[in-house]
Structures are given as structure tokens and as C-alpha cells.
Amino acid sequence: MSTLPQPPNSELLNPEMSPDGARVAGTRMDPATDNWDIWVVDVRTGGPTRVTRQAGIDSDPMWSPDGSALAYVSRRADIQGIFRIALADGREQLLMKVGPLVGGGTDVRVTGWTPDGRFVLVQSAGEQTGQDIMAVPVTAGEPIPVVATPGLQANGEVSPDGCWIAYQSNDSGEHHIYVRAFPGTGAPVRVSAVPGAIPQWRGDGRELFWQAPHAQDSTATVLYSAELTLTGSSLRPGVPRLVFPAHVRFAALIDNRRHWAAAPDGQHFVLRQVDGIQGPAVKDFLNWQELLKGR
């Protein structure tokens, strides 16, 4: 376990690891200006790089499949929308305009890309439904509904092979993790045994990670995972298990964002300060299986 350096005088929130596992993107507030920007931290050197600089709130960065760009939400005085920014030259592209926040909440969020880089996945309040998952074209075109039901559908992420989408839904009355064919309207398969949220695929698509409340402490969060067996067009999830020992937990925050991230190899994790471990707020957990020995 090691500490991931932070941008100066603040905390990097909502971490998202790059496709090669070498960089972490996140949101950081400048305490001097109260401005929120996207930053990238190099895992090996600890060097932070500020990506966005306009006045406003930039949040929820998600890496493109080739690691060359980030998609994110930007709320500025003149425009609010989903943007793509190229890391090489800082060139921005508006993908979709969005409306003002509803009741001060966060009703639009970027949650991933399709593996071919053609679409950005966005969750947004639906006109006839509670909350939908849409695919927003990176080139010209209208958003395409992906998961739209009367309940709340959130945190959609397409599998590395582009054949499945994992997401959370409260259609059953509680938030659970589901996987279904992508694209398409096939029946969803529930993966979580207890209520959970915010799924993330392992890089080979054979394992799914998600967060859930701690069984004995509702103020704390733990990570679960399940192996996935894929046979043709069918998917069978394995029995969910804790990623870390039960004593490794981290604080549950009021927003429904992911405050952890798994590297593509499924062996390295970045998460905010965990209970019982002293030190700075963001930790990089290496070789997590070693933590399980003797437990």
C-alpha cells in the first residue's frame, strides 16, 4: 500500500484510473478561488497536472479507451454540458448541452465510454422516467437511450468487449447491480446479493467490482466483486465476495459518486482514506490479495 500524492492544498476526489493504470484523473477544488477543475496525477512520479482552467465546476472525468482524452461535466456561467478534452493540446469539444441542476442536485454525470470510443455514457433525469442511461455520440448526433425504466438507472459502464453493460437500478425497490446485453433490450442479470452501487469492470471483462454499505456500519463503505462466466450470449455471475478484509472500509459520502477506482488488472486500487489506517486521504492499494492472508 502506498499514498498517491495530491494536488497542492486540496484533495483529489472521484478518482478514475487510466486504461494503462499509470494515471489517475479526478476533481479538485482550488481553496483560493472555490473553482473546481479536472486534474491528472501520474501514479509513478506523483506529478499532478491541471487539465481544465475555465471558471465554473468541472467534474466526473472519464478516460477515453485510448487514454488520450477525458469526458466530463462542466457547469459554467455561459454554458452547461458534457465536454471532451484532448490531453495533448487541451482542445475542448461540447458533446451535449445540459440543463440547470434540479433542486441543487447532480442530475447529469459522465459514467464511461464505449470501448470503440464512439460514445460517452451519461446518466440523466428522464422526461418520463426517474433517471436514464444514455449514449452520447462523440461525433454529431442525438443521445441514444440505453437503459430507461420508471426507476433510477445510474452508473452505466460498458464491458471491455462492448457486449455488456453493468449499471445500478432500484427497479426492485433497492439499488442493485445488474448486467445486460449491450446494445439491446435483453433481460438484466442481477449480480449483487445485497444492495450495491457504482459497478466497474476488470480490464478483461471477467470480473465486476462495486461498492456497498458495510454490514455492521451504515456510515462506512466496502467493495465487493464477482467473477463472471461468459458463454456465448449468456452471462452467469459468481458469488459476490469482499475485495478487502472486513476491517478495510472507507467513509460513505453524501454524493453517489465513486470514491475508489480499480486498475485494469484488478490487482491495484485507489480509494480515499480507509478507516483504521493513518495517513493522507487517497491510498493506492497494491497486491490486495496479500491483505487477505491470515484473515
C-alpha atoms as a PDB file:
ATOM      1  CA  MET A   1       0.000   0.000   0.000  1.00  0.00           C
ATOM      2  CA  SER A   2       1.278   3.461  -0.862  1.00  0.00           C
ATOM      3  CA  THR A   3       0.000   7.030  -0.788  1.00  0.00           C
ATOM      4  CA  LEU A   4      -0.968   8.781  -4.000  1.00  0.00           C
ATOM      5  CA  PRO A   5       0.282  12.399  -3.940  1.00  0.00           C
ATOM      6  CA  GLN A   6      -2.419  15.061  -4.011  1.00  0.00           C
ATOM      7  CA  PRO A   7      -2.607  18.303  -5.974  1.00  0.00           C
ATOM      8  CA  PRO A   8      -1.365  21.100  -3.718  1.00  0.00           C
ATOM      9  CA  ASN A   9      -3.551  22.216  -0.793  1.00  0.00           C
ATOM     10  CA  SER A  10      -6.571  20.070  -1.627  1.00  0.00           C
ATOM     11  CA  GLU A  11      -7.921  16.563  -2.109  1.00  0.00           C
ATOM     12  CA  LEU A  12      -8.400  14.752  -5.395  1.00  0.00           C
ATOM     13  CA  LEU A  13     -11.970  13.443  -5.451  1.00  0.00           C
ATOM     14  CA  ASN A  14     -13.778  10.929  -7.656  1.00  0.00           C
ATOM     15  CA  PRO A  15     -10.604   9.134  -8.830  1.00  0.00           C
ATOM     16  CA  GLU A  16     -10.634   7.359 -12.178  1.00  0.00           C
ATOM     17  CA  MET A  17      -7.664   5.280 -13.340  1.00  0.00           C
ATOM     18  CA  SER A  18      -6.413   5.497 -16.914  1.00  0.00           C
ATOM     19  CA  PRO A  19      -6.688   2.457 -19.222  1.00  0.00           C
ATOM     20  CA  ASP A  20      -2.993   1.669 -18.683  1.00  0.00           C
ATOM     21  CA  GLY A  21      -3.235   2.135 -14.899  1.00  0.00           C
ATOM     22  CA  ALA A  22      -0.479   4.791 -14.921  1.00  0.00           C
ATOM     23  CA  ARG A  23      -2.550   7.919 -14.216  1.00  0.00           C
ATOM     24  CA  VAL A  24      -5.468   8.936 -12.027  1.00  0.00           C
ATOM     25  CA  ALA A  25      -7.932  11.643 -13.071  1.00  0.00           C
ATOM     26  CA  GLY A  26     -10.135  13.373 -10.528  1.00  0.00           C
ATOM     27  CA  THR A  27     -11.844  16.550  -9.412  1.00  0.00           C
ATOM     28  CA  ARG A  28     -10.091  19.117  -7.247  1.00  0.00           C
ATOM     29  CA  MET A  29     -11.290  22.409  -5.726  1.00  0.00           C
ATOM     30  CA  ASP A  30      -8.891  25.337  -5.569  1.00  0.00           C
ATOM     31  CA  PRO A  31      -9.303  26.600  -1.978  1.00  0.00           C
ATOM     32  CA  ALA A  32      -8.250  30.087  -3.038  1.00  0.00           C
ATOM     33  CA  THR A  33     -10.940  30.509  -5.692  1.00  0.00           C
ATOM     34  CA  ASP A  34     -13.509  27.760  -4.906  1.00  0.00           C
ATOM     35  CA  ASN A  35     -13.157  26.725  -8.549  1.00  0.00           C
ATOM     36  CA  TRP A  36     -13.497  23.017  -9.399  1.00  0.00           C
ATOM     37  CA  ASP A  37     -11.205  21.592 -12.092  1.00  0.00           C
ATOM     38  CA  ILE A  38     -10.093  18.276 -13.531  1.00  0.00           C
ATOM     39  CA  TRP A  39      -6.599  17.142 -12.564  1.00  0.00           C
ATOM     40  CA  VAL A  40      -4.476  14.134 -13.548  1.00  0.00           C
ATOM     41  CA  VAL A  41      -1.859  12.597 -11.246  1.00  0.00           C
ATOM     42  CA  ASP A  42       0.924  10.323 -12.506  1.00  0.00           C
ATOM     43  CA  VAL A  43       0.909   7.201 -10.316  1.00  0.00           C
ATOM     44  CA  ARG A  44       4.642   6.543 -10.750  1.00  0.00           C
ATOM     45  CA  THR A  45       6.023  10.053 -10.235  1.00  0.00           C
ATOM     46  CA  GLY A  46       3.195  11.666  -8.267  1.00  0.00           C
ATOM     47  CA  GLY A  47       3.276  14.659 -10.591  1.00  0.00           C
ATOM     48  CA  PRO A  48      -0.096  16.479 -10.797  1.00  0.00           C
ATOM     49  CA  THR A  49      -1.318  18.172 -13.980  1.00  0.00           C
ATOM     50  CA  ARG A  50      -4.240  20.582 -14.144  1.00  0.00           C
ATOM     51  CA  VAL A  51      -6.400  19.743 -17.160  1.00  0.00           C
ATOM     52  CA  THR A  52      -9.232  22.322 -17.104  1.00  0.00           C
ATOM     53  CA  ARG A  53      -8.902  26.017 -16.257  1.00  0.00           C
ATOM     54  CA  GLN A  54     -12.164  27.819 -17.015  1.00  0.00           C
ATOM     55  CA  ALA A  55     -14.254  29.330 -14.224  1.00  0.00           C
ATOM     56  CA  GLY A  56     -17.028  27.022 -13.063  1.00  0.00           C
ATOM     57  CA  ILE A  57     -17.444  23.438 -11.896  1.00  0.00           C
ATOM     58  CA  ASP A  58     -15.770  20.651 -13.872  1.00  0.00           C
ATOM     59  CA  SER A  59     -16.400  17.154 -12.521  1.00  0.00           C
ATOM     60  CA  ASP A  60     -16.797  13.429 -13.161  1.00  0.00           C
ATOM     61  CA  PRO A  61     -13.878  12.809 -15.544  1.00  0.00           C
ATOM     62  CA  MET A  62     -13.852   9.556 -17.504  1.00  0.00           C
ATOM     63  CA  TRP A  63     -10.947   8.345 -19.653  1.00  0.00           C
ATOM     64  CA  SER A  64     -11.332   7.590 -23.340  1.00  0.00           C
ATOM     65  CA  PRO A  65     -10.418   3.971 -24.207  1.00  0.00           C
ATOM     66  CA  ASP A  66      -7.029   5.007 -25.614  1.00  0.00           C
ATOM     67  CA  GLY A  67      -6.232   7.326 -22.690  1.00  0.00           C
ATOM     68  CA  SER A  68      -5.843  10.383 -24.914  1.00  0.00           C
ATOM     69  CA  ALA A  69      -8.908  12.325 -23.734  1.00  0.00           C
ATOM     70  CA  LEU A  70     -11.319  12.838 -20.861  1.00  0.00           C
ATOM     71  CA  ALA A  71     -15.080  13.358 -20.925  1.00  0.00           C
ATOM     72  CA  TYR A  72     -16.581  15.346 -18.054  1.00  0.00           C
ATOM     73  CA  VAL A  73     -19.426  17.582 -16.905  1.00  0.00           C
ATOM     74  CA  SER A  74     -18.802  21.345 -16.968  1.00  0.00           C
ATOM     75  CA  ARG A  75     -21.110  23.944 -15.477  1.00  0.00           C
ATOM     76  CA  ARG A  76     -20.063  27.453 -16.449  1.00  0.00           C
ATOM     77  CA  ALA A  77     -21.744  30.835 -16.450  1.00  0.00           C
ATOM     78  CA  ASP A  78     -22.358  30.727 -20.206  1.00  0.00           C
ATOM     79  CA  ILE A  79     -22.955  27.034 -20.820  1.00  0.00           C
ATOM     80  CA  GLN A  80     -23.524  23.734 -19.057  1.00  0.00           C
ATOM     81  CA  GLY A  81     -22.788  20.466 -20.775  1.00  0.00           C
ATOM     82  CA  ILE A  82     -20.819  17.300 -21.382  1.00  0.00           C
ATOM     83  CA  PHE A  83     -17.376  18.048 -22.782  1.00  0.00           C
ATOM     84  CA  ARG A  84     -14.491  16.066 -24.223  1.00  0.00           C
ATOM     85  CA  ILE A  85     -10.947  17.414 -23.804  1.00  0.00           C
ATOM     86  CA  ALA A  86      -7.852  16.160 -25.626  1.00  0.00           C
ATOM     87  CA  LEU A  87      -4.947  15.860 -23.204  1.00  0.00           C
ATOM     88  CA  ALA A  88      -2.292  16.517 -25.846  1.00  0.00           C
ATOM     89  CA  ASP A  89      -3.396  20.048 -26.718  1.00  0.00           C
ATOM     90  CA  GLY A  90      -6.261  20.916 -24.342  1.00  0.00           C
ATOM     91  CA  ARG A  91      -8.762  21.248 -27.177  1.00  0.00           C
ATOM     92  CA  GLU A  92     -12.355  21.002 -25.928  1.00  0.00           C
ATOM     93  CA  GLN A  93     -15.436  19.676 -27.677  1.00  0.00           C
ATOM     94  CA  LEU A  94     -19.012  20.146 -26.476  1.00  0.00           C
ATOM     95  CA  LEU A  95     -20.804  16.808 -26.771  1.00  0.00           C
ATOM     96  CA  MET A  96     -24.179  17.690 -25.233  1.00  0.00           C
ATOM     97  CA  LYS A  97     -25.761  20.677 -23.541  1.00  0.00           C
ATOM     98  CA  VAL A  98     -27.478  20.026 -20.224  1.00  0.00           C
ATOM     99  CA  GLY A  99     -29.996  21.993 -18.201  1.00  0.00           C
ATOM    100  CA  PRO A 100     -29.571  23.586 -14.782  1.00  0.00           C
ATOM    101  CA  LEU A 101     -29.335  21.431 -11.684  1.00  0.00           C
ATOM    102  CA  VAL A 102     -32.675  20.203 -10.360  1.00  0.00           C
ATOM    103  CA  GLY A 103     -33.135  21.204  -6.733  1.00  0.00           C
ATOM    104  CA  GLY A 104     -29.408  21.741  -6.339  1.00  0.00           C
ATOM    105  CA  GLY A 105     -28.652  18.086  -7.043  1.00  0.00           C
ATOM    106  CA  THR A 106     -26.417  16.402  -9.591  1.00  0.00           C
ATOM    107  CA  ASP A 107     -28.771  15.166 -12.287  1.00  0.00           C
ATOM    108  CA  VAL A 108     -26.212  14.625 -15.081  1.00  0.00           C
ATOM    109  CA  ARG A 109     -22.987  12.637 -14.839  1.00  0.00           C
ATOM    110  CA  VAL A 110     -20.479  11.005 -17.186  1.00  0.00           C
ATOM    111  CA  THR A 111     -20.026   7.335 -16.235  1.00  0.00           C
ATOM    112  CA  GLY A 112     -17.926   5.820 -19.020  1.00  0.00           C
ATOM    113  CA  TRP A 113     -17.178   5.344 -22.716  1.00  0.00           C
ATOM    114  CA  THR A 114     -17.905   2.552 -25.161  1.00  0.00           C
ATOM    115  CA  PRO A 115     -14.702   0.587 -25.961  1.00  0.00           C
ATOM    116  CA  ASP A 116     -14.680   1.815 -29.567  1.00  0.00           C
ATOM    117  CA  GLY A 117     -14.559   5.428 -28.354  1.00  0.00           C
ATOM    118  CA  ARG A 118     -17.678   6.390 -30.318  1.00  0.00           C
ATOM    119  CA  PHE A 119     -19.995   7.105 -27.379  1.00  0.00           C
ATOM    120  CA  VAL A 120     -19.827   8.571 -23.886  1.00  0.00           C
ATOM    121  CA  LEU A 121     -22.243   7.111 -21.331  1.00  0.00           C
ATOM    122  CA  VAL A 122     -24.231   9.677 -19.361  1.00  0.00           C
ATOM    123  CA  GLN A 123     -26.864   9.337 -16.661  1.00  0.00           C
ATOM    124  CA  SER A 124     -29.536  11.993 -16.724  1.00  0.00           C
ATOM    125  CA  ALA A 125     -33.038  12.626 -15.442  1.00  0.00           C
ATOM    126  CA  GLY A 126     -35.540  11.311 -17.979  1.00  0.00           C
ATOM    127  CA  GLU A 127     -38.693  13.052 -19.160  1.00  0.00           C
ATOM    128  CA  GLN A 128     -40.932  10.071 -18.410  1.00  0.00           C
ATOM    129  CA  THR A 129     -38.667   8.128 -16.056  1.00  0.00           C
ATOM    130  CA  GLY A 130     -36.727   8.758 -12.873  1.00  0.00           C
ATOM    131  CA  GLN A 131     -33.204   8.595 -14.289  1.00  0.00           C
ATOM    132  CA  ASP A 132     -31.886   7.087 -17.506  1.00  0.00           C
ATOM    133  CA  ILE A 133     -28.587   5.980 -19.006  1.00  0.00           C
ATOM    134  CA  MET A 134     -27.817   7.414 -22.439  1.00  0.00           C
ATOM    135  CA  ALA A 135     -25.074   7.048 -25.031  1.00  0.00           C
ATOM    136  CA  VAL A 136     -23.889  10.439 -26.309  1.00  0.00           C
ATOM    137  CA  PRO A 137     -22.077  10.354 -29.691  1.00  0.00           C
ATOM    138  CA  VAL A 138     -18.567  11.811 -29.709  1.00  0.00           C
ATOM    139  CA  THR A 139     -19.267  12.932 -33.277  1.00  0.00           C
ATOM    140  CA  ALA A 140     -22.508  14.601 -34.335  1.00  0.00           C
ATOM    141  CA  GLY A 141     -25.782  13.017 -33.307  1.00  0.00           C
ATOM    142  CA  GLU A 142     -28.510  12.868 -30.697  1.00  0.00           C
ATOM    143  CA  PRO A 143     -28.158  10.953 -27.405  1.00  0.00           C
ATOM    144  CA  ILE A 144     -29.409   7.365 -27.588  1.00  0.00           C
ATOM    145  CA  PRO A 145     -31.345   5.842 -24.661  1.00  0.00           C
ATOM    146  CA  VAL A 146     -29.573   2.748 -23.338  1.00  0.00           C
ATOM    147  CA  VAL A 147     -31.387   1.886 -20.081  1.00  0.00           C
ATOM    148  CA  ALA A 148     -34.672   3.686 -19.437  1.00  0.00           C
ATOM    149  CA  THR A 149     -37.253   2.374 -16.979  1.00  0.00           C
ATOM    150  CA  PRO A 150     -39.588   4.048 -14.465  1.00  0.00           C
ATOM    151  CA  GLY A 151     -36.965   3.742 -11.711  1.00  0.00           C
ATOM    152  CA  LEU A 152     -33.481   5.178 -11.249  1.00  0.00           C
ATOM    153  CA  GLN A 153     -30.788   3.785 -13.547  1.00  0.00           C
ATOM    154  CA  ALA A 154     -27.267   5.002 -12.830  1.00  0.00           C
ATOM    155  CA  ASN A 155     -23.540   4.484 -13.271  1.00  0.00           C
ATOM    156  CA  GLY A 156     -23.646   2.596 -16.544  1.00  0.00           C
ATOM    157  CA  GLU A 157     -20.360   1.125 -17.775  1.00  0.00           C
ATOM    158  CA  VAL A 158     -19.868  -0.964 -20.920  1.00  0.00           C
ATOM    159  CA  SER A 159     -17.724  -4.104 -20.741  1.00  0.00           C
ATOM    160  CA  PRO A 160     -14.280  -4.087 -22.412  1.00  0.00           C
ATOM    161  CA  ASP A 161     -15.555  -6.256 -25.284  1.00  0.00           C
ATOM    162  CA  GLY A 162     -18.510  -3.916 -25.861  1.00  0.00           C
ATOM    163  CA  CYS A 163     -21.087  -6.701 -25.450  1.00  0.00           C
ATOM    164  CA  TRP A 164     -22.469  -5.941 -21.963  1.00  0.00           C
ATOM    165  CA  ILE A 165     -23.415  -3.006 -19.791  1.00  0.00           C
ATOM    166  CA  ALA A 166     -23.247  -3.000 -15.995  1.00  0.00           C
ATOM    167  CA  TYR A 167     -25.328  -0.496 -14.042  1.00  0.00           C
ATOM    168  CA  GLN A 168     -27.253   0.046 -10.842  1.00  0.00           C
ATOM    169  CA  SER A 169     -31.030   0.157 -10.682  1.00  0.00           C
ATOM    170  CA  ASN A 170     -33.685   0.496  -7.998  1.00  0.00           C
ATOM    171  CA  ASP A 171     -36.446  -1.107 -10.059  1.00  0.00           C
ATOM    172  CA  SER A 172     -36.718  -3.834  -7.389  1.00  0.00           C
ATOM    173  CA  GLY A 173     -37.147  -1.237  -4.626  1.00  0.00           C
ATOM    174  CA  GLU A 174     -33.444  -1.305  -3.645  1.00  0.00           C
ATOM    175  CA  HIS A 175     -30.340  -0.362  -5.584  1.00  0.00           C
ATOM    176  CA  HIS A 176     -28.652  -3.471  -7.021  1.00  0.00           C
ATOM    177  CA  ILE A 177     -26.031  -4.171  -9.656  1.00  0.00           C
ATOM    178  CA  TYR A 178     -27.246  -5.578 -12.983  1.00  0.00           C
ATOM    179  CA  VAL A 179     -25.653  -6.646 -16.252  1.00  0.00           C
ATOM    180  CA  ARG A 180     -27.423  -6.972 -19.564  1.00  0.00           C
ATOM    181  CA  ALA A 181     -26.556  -7.214 -23.251  1.00  0.00           C
ATOM    182  CA  PHE A 182     -25.282  -4.073 -24.973  1.00  0.00           C
ATOM    183  CA  PRO A 183     -26.703  -2.766 -27.133  1.00  0.00           C
ATOM    184  CA  GLY A 184     -30.131  -4.283 -26.843  1.00  0.00           C
ATOM    185  CA  THR A 185     -33.040  -4.817 -24.506  1.00  0.00           C
ATOM    186  CA  GLY A 186     -32.329  -8.272 -23.121  1.00  0.00           C
ATOM    187  CA  ALA A 187     -33.332  -9.245 -19.605  1.00  0.00           C
ATOM    188  CA  PRO A 188     -30.918  -7.922 -16.963  1.00  0.00           C
ATOM    189  CA  VAL A 189     -28.992 -10.322 -14.716  1.00  0.00           C
ATOM    190  CA  ARG A 190     -28.608  -9.260 -11.093  1.00  0.00           C
ATOM    191  CA  VAL A 191     -25.037  -9.565  -9.812  1.00  0.00           C
ATOM    192  CA  SER A 192     -25.228  -8.151  -6.273  1.00  0.00           C
ATOM    193  CA  ALA A 193     -26.628 -10.148  -3.348  1.00  0.00           C
ATOM    194  CA  VAL A 194     -27.076  -7.123  -1.072  1.00  0.00           C
ATOM    195  CA  PRO A 195     -27.819  -3.556  -2.202  1.00  0.00           C
ATOM    196  CA  GLY A 196     -24.880  -2.044  -4.071  1.00  0.00           C
ATOM    197  CA  ALA A 197     -23.868   0.777  -6.377  1.00  0.00           C
ATOM    198  CA  ILE A 198     -21.346   2.034  -8.945  1.00  0.00           C
ATOM    199  CA  PRO A 199     -20.021  -1.012 -10.832  1.00  0.00           C
ATOM    200  CA  GLN A 200     -16.659  -1.141 -12.602  1.00  0.00           C
ATOM    201  CA  TRP A 201     -15.334  -3.837 -14.940  1.00  0.00           C
ATOM    202  CA  ARG A 202     -11.967  -5.508 -14.667  1.00  0.00           C
ATOM    203  CA  GLY A 203      -9.909  -4.915 -17.806  1.00  0.00           C
ATOM    204  CA  ASP A 204     -10.595  -8.369 -19.255  1.00  0.00           C
ATOM    205  CA  GLY A 205     -14.343  -8.211 -18.553  1.00  0.00           C
ATOM    206  CA  ARG A 206     -14.287 -11.323 -16.350  1.00  0.00           C
ATOM    207  CA  GLU A 207     -14.874  -9.618 -13.019  1.00  0.00           C
ATOM    208  CA  LEU A 208     -17.083  -6.807 -11.772  1.00  0.00           C
ATOM    209  CA  PHE A 209     -16.418  -4.542  -8.773  1.00  0.00           C
ATOM    210  CA  TRP A 210     -18.933  -2.384  -6.904  1.00  0.00           C
ATOM    211  CA  GLN A 211     -19.444  -0.670  -3.568  1.00  0.00           C
ATOM    212  CA  ALA A 212     -21.959  -1.406  -0.820  1.00  0.00           C
ATOM    213  CA  PRO A 213     -22.684  -0.297   2.743  1.00  0.00           C
ATOM    214  CA  HIS A 214     -20.734  -2.119   5.444  1.00  0.00           C
ATOM    215  CA  ALA A 215     -22.863  -4.831   7.063  1.00  0.00           C
ATOM    216  CA  GLN A 216     -22.293  -3.533  10.611  1.00  0.00           C
ATOM    217  CA  ASP A 217     -21.644   0.158   9.945  1.00  0.00           C
ATOM    218  CA  SER A 218     -24.035   2.065   7.686  1.00  0.00           C
ATOM    219  CA  THR A 219     -21.678   5.065   7.648  1.00  0.00           C
ATOM    220  CA  ALA A 220     -18.907   3.023   6.013  1.00  0.00           C
ATOM    221  CA  THR A 221     -18.457   1.543   2.541  1.00  0.00           C
ATOM    222  CA  VAL A 222     -16.834  -1.696   1.385  1.00  0.00           C
ATOM    223  CA  LEU A 223     -16.014  -3.158  -2.014  1.00  0.00           C
ATOM    224  CA  TYR A 224     -17.460  -6.352  -3.482  1.00  0.00           C
ATOM    225  CA  SER A 225     -16.591  -8.251  -6.622  1.00  0.00           C
ATOM    226  CA  ALA A 226     -17.937 -11.201  -8.570  1.00  0.00           C
ATOM    227  CA  GLU A 227     -16.331 -13.354 -11.238  1.00  0.00           C
ATOM    228  CA  LEU A 228     -18.364 -13.533 -14.453  1.00  0.00           C
ATOM    229  CA  THR A 229     -18.713 -16.603 -16.669  1.00  0.00           C
ATOM    230  CA  LEU A 230     -19.482 -15.668 -20.268  1.00  0.00           C
ATOM    231  CA  THR A 231     -20.756 -18.356 -22.616  1.00  0.00           C
ATOM    232  CA  GLY A 232     -21.843 -17.130 -25.998  1.00  0.00           C
ATOM    233  CA  SER A 233     -24.677 -14.696 -25.397  1.00  0.00           C
ATOM    234  CA  SER A 234     -25.242 -15.733 -21.771  1.00  0.00           C
ATOM    235  CA  LEU A 235     -23.676 -14.441 -18.568  1.00  0.00           C
ATOM    236  CA  ARG A 236     -23.531 -16.130 -15.178  1.00  0.00           C
ATOM    237  CA  PRO A 237     -22.237 -14.194 -12.155  1.00  0.00           C
ATOM    238  CA  GLY A 238     -20.315 -15.889  -9.376  1.00  0.00           C
ATOM    239  CA  VAL A 239     -20.968 -15.482  -5.654  1.00  0.00           C
ATOM    240  CA  PRO A 240     -20.132 -11.917  -4.553  1.00  0.00           C
ATOM    241  CA  ARG A 241     -17.199 -11.585  -2.168  1.00  0.00           C
ATOM    242  CA  LEU A 242     -15.439  -8.798  -0.315  1.00  0.00           C
ATOM    243  CA  VAL A 243     -12.452  -7.390  -2.164  1.00  0.00           C
ATOM    244  CA  PHE A 244     -10.650  -6.426   1.059  1.00  0.00           C
ATOM    245  CA  PRO A 245     -10.924  -7.858   4.579  1.00  0.00           C
ATOM    246  CA  ALA A 246     -13.976  -6.665   6.505  1.00  0.00           C
ATOM    247  CA  HIS A 247     -11.918  -4.244   8.598  1.00  0.00           C
ATOM    248  CA  VAL A 248     -10.878  -2.290   5.480  1.00  0.00           C
ATOM    249  CA  ARG A 249     -13.609   0.246   4.871  1.00  0.00           C
ATOM    250  CA  PHE A 250     -13.936   3.870   3.873  1.00  0.00           C
ATOM    251  CA  ALA A 251     -16.386   6.633   4.685  1.00  0.00           C
ATOM    252  CA  ALA A 252     -19.635   6.812   2.740  1.00  0.00           C
ATOM    253  CA  LEU A 253     -20.178  10.307   1.329  1.00  0.00           C
ATOM    254  CA  ILE A 254     -23.420  12.101   0.632  1.00  0.00           C
ATOM    255  CA  ASP A 255     -22.940  12.112  -3.129  1.00  0.00           C
ATOM    256  CA  ASN A 256     -23.378   8.947  -5.165  1.00  0.00           C
ATOM    257  CA  ARG A 257     -20.009   9.159  -6.860  1.00  0.00           C
ATOM    258  CA  ARG A 258     -17.300   6.555  -6.810  1.00  0.00           C
ATOM    259  CA  HIS A 259     -14.523   7.470  -4.377  1.00  0.00           C
ATOM    260  CA  TRP A 260     -12.422   4.498  -5.429  1.00  0.00           C
ATOM    261  CA  ALA A 261     -11.134   3.094  -8.686  1.00  0.00           C
ATOM    262  CA  ALA A 262      -9.812  -0.276  -9.840  1.00  0.00           C
ATOM    263  CA  ALA A 263      -6.868  -0.584 -12.189  1.00  0.00           C
ATOM    264  CA  PRO A 264      -7.493  -2.658 -15.327  1.00  0.00           C
ATOM    265  CA  ASP A 265      -5.580  -5.624 -13.873  1.00  0.00           C
ATOM    266  CA  GLY A 266      -7.942  -5.834 -10.886  1.00  0.00           C
ATOM    267  CA  GLN A 267      -4.933  -6.005  -8.551  1.00  0.00           C
ATOM    268  CA  HIS A 268      -4.428  -2.314  -7.811  1.00  0.00           C
ATOM    269  CA  PHE A 269      -6.967   0.089  -6.325  1.00  0.00           C
ATOM    270  CA  VAL A 270      -7.116   3.750  -5.482  1.00  0.00           C
ATOM    271  CA  LEU A 271      -9.504   4.795  -2.724  1.00  0.00           C
ATOM    272  CA  ARG A 272      -9.955   7.532  -0.176  1.00  0.00           C
ATOM    273  CA  GLN A 273      -8.555   7.193   3.329  1.00  0.00           C
ATOM    274  CA  VAL A 274      -9.814   3.969   4.861  1.00  0.00           C
ATOM    275  CA  ASP A 275     -10.846   3.511   8.475  1.00  0.00           C
ATOM    276  CA  GLY A 276      -8.100   2.341  10.804  1.00  0.00           C
ATOM    277  CA  ILE A 277      -5.205   3.307   8.514  1.00  0.00           C
ATOM    278  CA  GLN A 278      -3.426   6.570   9.253  1.00  0.00           C
ATOM    279  CA  GLY A 279      -2.157   8.888   6.555  1.00  0.00           C
ATOM    280  CA  PRO A 280      -3.254  11.143   3.672  1.00  0.00           C
ATOM    281  CA  ALA A 281      -6.670  10.818   2.156  1.00  0.00           C
ATOM    282  CA  VAL A 282      -6.010   8.809  -1.016  1.00  0.00           C
ATOM    283  CA  LYS A 283      -4.353   5.404  -0.924  1.00  0.00           C
ATOM    284  CA  ASP A 284      -3.058   3.186  -3.701  1.00  0.00           C
ATOM    285  CA  PHE A 285      -3.631  -0.432  -2.649  1.00  0.00           C
ATOM    286  CA  LEU A 286      -1.149  -2.783  -4.297  1.00  0.00           C
ATOM    287  CA  ASN A 287      -1.403  -6.592  -4.451  1.00  0.00           C
ATOM    288  CA  TRP A 288      -4.597  -6.617  -2.430  1.00  0.00           C
ATOM    289  CA  GLN A 289      -4.642 -10.415  -2.114  1.00  0.00           C
ATOM    290  CA  GLU A 290      -1.842 -10.148   0.463  1.00  0.00           C
ATOM    291  CA  LEU A 291      -4.284  -8.369   2.786  1.00  0.00           C
ATOM    292  CA  LEU A 292      -6.465 -11.458   2.846  1.00  0.00           C
ATOM    293  CA  LYS A 293      -3.780 -13.786   4.173  1.00  0.00           C
ATOM    294  CA  GLY A 294      -4.306 -14.710   7.783  1.00  0.00           C
ATOM    295  CA  ARG A 295      -7.812 -13.209   7.892  1.00  0.00           C
END
